Amino acid sequence: MSPRSLIGQLAPEGTSYTARPCMRAGFPAVQVAELSKALHRHHEGDVDGLVRVLLRHDWESINPWAAGYELDTGQRTPFTPQHITPYRGVGYHLAESASHPITGRLTEQPDPAYRWLYLFDAAGLRVFCNRHGHRWERLYDFTTADLVDLDPVLSILEACLE
């Protein structure tokens, strides 16, 4: 089973965050690539605009291409449950989302239900891992420029996780 993640925004003070759950495809090689597509191909590099959308819903998966295809063609895959709704430029959100995003601090013990934490800030995207259950461990920082051409950066990240 794919690990769950949280996706959201790091507060300017650098220790607290606001995020929404994402139920599938939480591994960095997938999630960072899909967030990059959402940011640069669908939100024109507007981090604040993407974050506003991300914080509206709990997500089943981030996959802007598949959600856009489904909305354009009206063809729903036979395996997609009805409680999962495509959202153009981002992916699939859960129809029954929590009324408010999750808030937390990077220094707090993470919820064991979530393995990864992806937080946007003014500089780009920060990736954290709940590796030992004591606090979020920062693994990598992507600038918004890094997110345009991810191939070399994702190779570095994958090597770091081995």
Protein backbone atom coordinates (compact mmCIF):
# COMPACT_ATOMS: atom_id res chain seq x y z
CA MET A 1 0.00 0.00 0.00
CA SER A 2 1.25 3.45 -0.90
CA PRO A 3 2.10 5.66 2.08
CA ARG A 4 -0.12 8.53 3.06
CA SER A 5 1.23 12.05 3.05
CA LEU A 6 0.35 15.56 4.08
CA ILE A 7 0.57 18.41 1.57
CA GLY A 8 0.39 22.06 2.44
CA GLN A 9 2.23 25.19 3.47
CA LEU A 10 5.05 25.96 5.88
CA ALA A 11 4.38 29.06 7.96
CA PRO A 12 6.81 31.97 7.50
CA GLU A 13 8.35 31.33 10.95
CA GLY A 14 9.50 27.94 9.60
CA THR A 15 8.23 25.52 12.24
CA SER A 16 4.44 25.31 11.94
CA TYR A 17 2.40 24.13 8.99
CA THR A 18 -1.09 23.79 7.59
CA ALA A 19 -1.74 20.73 5.41
CA ARG A 20 -4.27 18.32 3.94
CA PRO A 21 -4.02 14.53 3.79
CA CYS A 22 -3.26 12.76 0.54
CA MET A 23 -4.19 9.09 0.69
CA ARG A 24 -2.18 7.58 -2.18
CA ALA A 25 1.06 7.89 -4.12
CA GLY A 26 2.93 9.52 -1.26
CA PHE A 27 6.46 8.48 -2.25
CA PRO A 28 8.64 11.50 -3.15
CA ALA A 29 9.47 10.30 -6.67
CA VAL A 30 5.76 10.36 -7.49
CA GLN A 31 4.45 13.14 -5.27
CA VAL A 32 7.15 15.71 -6.05
CA ALA A 33 6.80 15.08 -9.79
CA GLU A 34 3.00 15.47 -9.66
CA LEU A 35 3.19 18.60 -7.48
CA SER A 36 5.71 20.01 -9.98
CA LYS A 37 3.27 19.40 -12.85
CA ALA A 38 0.44 20.97 -10.88
CA LEU A 39 2.57 24.02 -10.08
CA HIS A 40 4.20 24.71 -13.42
CA ARG A 41 1.84 23.25 -16.03
CA HIS A 42 -1.48 24.12 -14.43
CA HIS A 43 -0.90 27.01 -12.01
CA GLU A 44 1.77 28.92 -13.99
CA GLY A 45 4.30 28.74 -11.14
CA ASP A 46 1.92 30.45 -8.69
CA VAL A 47 2.78 28.71 -5.41
CA ASP A 48 0.19 30.67 -3.41
CA GLY A 49 -2.56 29.81 -5.90
CA LEU A 50 -1.72 26.10 -5.83
CA VAL A 51 -1.51 26.06 -2.03
CA ARG A 52 -4.94 27.73 -1.75
CA VAL A 53 -6.42 24.93 -3.88
CA LEU A 54 -4.53 22.18 -2.03
CA LEU A 55 -5.79 23.41 1.34
CA ARG A 56 -9.46 23.30 0.27
CA HIS A 57 -9.77 19.50 0.20
CA ASP A 58 -8.39 16.23 1.47
CA TRP A 59 -6.84 14.44 -1.51
CA GLU A 60 -6.98 10.90 -2.76
CA SER A 61 -4.05 11.53 -5.12
CA ILE A 62 -2.22 14.33 -6.88
CA ASN A 63 -2.40 13.66 -10.61
CA PRO A 64 -3.28 16.75 -12.66
CA TRP A 65 -3.10 15.00 -16.04
CA ALA A 66 -5.51 12.18 -15.17
CA ALA A 67 -8.00 14.52 -13.48
CA GLY A 68 -7.94 16.89 -16.46
CA TYR A 69 -8.39 14.01 -18.91
CA GLU A 70 -11.37 12.73 -16.98
CA LEU A 71 -12.96 16.18 -16.84
CA ASP A 72 -12.31 16.83 -20.56
CA THR A 73 -13.61 13.49 -21.80
CA GLY A 74 -16.20 12.70 -19.17
CA GLN A 75 -14.77 9.18 -19.04
CA ARG A 76 -14.42 7.90 -15.53
CA THR A 77 -12.20 4.90 -14.96
CA PRO A 78 -14.19 1.91 -13.75
CA PHE A 79 -11.99 1.62 -10.65
CA THR A 80 -12.55 5.15 -9.32
CA PRO A 81 -15.07 5.25 -6.46
CA GLN A 82 -17.80 7.88 -6.59
CA HIS A 83 -16.54 9.65 -3.45
CA ILE A 84 -13.37 10.65 -5.33
CA THR A 85 -13.78 13.74 -7.52
CA PRO A 86 -11.39 15.05 -10.20
CA TYR A 87 -10.14 18.60 -9.71
CA ARG A 88 -8.54 20.24 -12.75
CA GLY A 89 -4.89 21.09 -12.34
CA VAL A 90 -4.37 19.10 -9.15
CA GLY A 91 -5.79 15.59 -9.00
CA TYR A 92 -8.55 13.76 -7.15
CA HIS A 93 -10.05 15.06 -3.93
CA LEU A 94 -12.26 13.28 -1.46
CA ALA A 95 -15.89 14.40 -1.55
CA GLU A 96 -16.06 14.17 2.23
CA SER A 97 -13.11 16.30 3.30
CA ALA A 98 -12.48 17.50 6.83
CA SER A 99 -13.84 21.00 7.33
CA HIS A 100 -10.39 22.37 8.21
CA PRO A 101 -6.83 21.50 7.27
CA ILE A 102 -4.49 19.84 9.74
CA THR A 103 -2.15 22.16 11.62
CA GLY A 104 1.02 21.12 13.36
CA ARG A 105 4.61 21.86 14.22
CA LEU A 106 7.65 20.20 12.72
CA THR A 107 9.01 19.62 16.23
CA GLU A 108 5.94 17.63 17.37
CA GLN A 109 5.66 13.88 17.17
CA PRO A 110 4.09 13.13 13.76
CA ASP A 111 0.88 11.20 13.35
CA PRO A 112 2.02 7.66 12.41
CA ALA A 113 -0.69 7.52 9.72
CA TYR A 114 1.44 9.84 7.55
CA ARG A 115 4.89 8.95 6.27
CA TRP A 116 5.62 12.04 4.16
CA LEU A 117 5.09 15.78 4.53
CA TYR A 118 5.30 18.15 1.54
CA LEU A 119 5.28 21.84 2.39
CA PHE A 120 5.44 24.80 0.05
CA ASP A 121 6.96 28.08 1.18
CA ALA A 122 8.19 31.22 -0.57
CA ALA A 123 11.34 29.44 -1.81
CA GLY A 124 9.77 26.24 -3.12
CA LEU A 125 8.88 22.80 -1.76
CA ARG A 126 10.30 21.11 1.33
CA VAL A 127 10.12 17.32 1.76
CA PHE A 128 9.98 15.74 5.22
CA CYS A 129 9.84 12.10 6.32
CA ASN A 130 8.28 10.51 9.39
CA ARG A 131 11.05 7.94 9.57
CA HIS A 132 11.34 7.33 13.30
CA GLY A 133 8.04 8.62 14.69
CA HIS A 134 9.62 11.28 16.93
CA ARG A 135 9.52 14.35 14.67
CA TRP A 136 9.52 15.26 11.01
CA GLU A 137 12.94 14.79 9.44
CA ARG A 138 13.76 17.22 6.63
CA LEU A 139 15.08 15.39 3.57
CA TYR A 140 15.23 17.83 0.71
CA ASP A 141 14.38 21.37 -0.38
CA PHE A 142 13.31 22.04 -3.97
CA THR A 143 13.41 25.59 -5.30
CA THR A 144 10.62 26.51 -7.70
CA ALA A 145 13.31 26.40 -10.44
CA ASP A 146 14.23 22.82 -9.39
CA LEU A 147 10.60 21.87 -9.84
CA VAL A 148 10.71 22.83 -13.53
CA ASP A 149 13.32 20.16 -14.43
CA LEU A 150 13.08 17.39 -11.88
CA ASP A 151 15.02 14.52 -13.45
CA PRO A 152 18.43 15.24 -11.87
CA VAL A 153 16.93 16.28 -8.55
CA LEU A 154 14.70 13.21 -8.20
CA SER A 155 17.71 10.98 -8.81
CA ILE A 156 19.46 12.66 -5.87
CA LEU A 157 16.38 12.27 -3.68
CA GLU A 158 15.96 8.60 -4.54
CA ALA A 159 19.63 7.97 -3.69
CA CYS A 160 19.12 9.69 -0.35
CA LEU A 161 16.27 7.29 0.51
CA GLU A 162 18.19 4.08 -0.22
